[in-house]
Amino acid sequence: MVGARDPELVRPPFDRQGRSFRTLRLSLTPVCNFACRYCDPESSPGKEPVPITRRPADFYLRLVERLLEVTPLHTVRLTGGEPTLYAQLASLVAGLAALGLSRICLTTNGFLLESQLEALKAAGLTDLNVSVDAIEPAVFERVTGRGGLDRVLGAIDRARGLALPLKINATIMRGLNDCQVLPVFEQFAAAGIEVRFLELMKMGPLQTNHEQFFFSEAEILARICERFTVRRLERQPSATATLFETGDGRRFGIIANHSAPFCSDCDRLRLDHEGRLFGCLSSAIGYTVPDDKHALIATLKGALEEKQPQRFTGSALSMRSIGG
């Protein structure tokens, strides 16, 4: 349990820039029911995948508990692939809540979410990010490889009804859905939901043609400024998003990995579906989680050394396998 840490044995690792790990992003499966152009542009969603369990919830819980013995994690974000395809999702959330974590978050495409929401909230889910890259059905299908926007919007309405804190993620690609910046912002801002626009990351299959589709922070802002006056807010330490506020008080964020990188104070650690640790998306080096505390601290120090000092450099890693 979190309260059982031994202060004589546990000295959380820091690197030369003072960074440590406080947030864990746990990818539960590489399988997805979408084929988004920014993640897996060469595939199609095919048949609807059935819920799967490659590793049982206890497997991940043991790893997280081991990490909590040596590093002050306060947040676990569950990702994929698509985490709602993980058959033991609610059990895993309940187990993480029992470990005393202050935040247990889920990032999902929302397609299968609505029927799971009540169980997830009851298990201890604290907040939710849903990817909505377009609100025009034809553009949504062009990005994701399938229809189903109405199901995603229905899940968002249900989450609001359950008073589950919610944000929208929208990854913007030039020539594909950059026409959706204003429509997405206006639709969700009108409902009081904060949107996070994401710059396309130079990862996996998009390493070679990233520039073709890249749509920058400045261009996203220019689209919103066509109708709104906007001011930049002070970025919080370790935050991925820079927040902005319109003249009428609507807030949105931009996660600008390339235009305004946030590597210098990044506190994120990643655990893939096979239980390997990754310290940085710019590095494809994964580490196993040792049983011995001192060996684990050494492993975490190695993972910290993989972090870039200032700027994301791109990676052969697939977002489908490592999570966002």
Foldseek 3Di string as FASTA:
>chain_A
DLVPADVVQADFDADPLRAGAAEEEEAAELQAQWCFCLFHVVDANPDRDAQDHPDDLVVVLVLVLLVSNHGNHQEYEYFFNAVVSHPCVLVNLLSVVVSVRNAYEYEHQQQPQQVCVVSNVVSPHQAYEHEDQADPQVLSCQRTVDGRSVNNVVSVVSCVVVVRQYAYEHEFWPPRRLVGLVVVQVVVLVVVHAYEYEFRACEAPNVVPSVNTTDAPVNSVVVNVVPFAKDWDDDDAQDQWTKIATPVGRIYTYRGQAPANRLQHHNYWYAWNVGWIALDQLDPDTHHQDPDSVVNSVVSNVNVVPGDNGHRDYYNDGCSTTPD
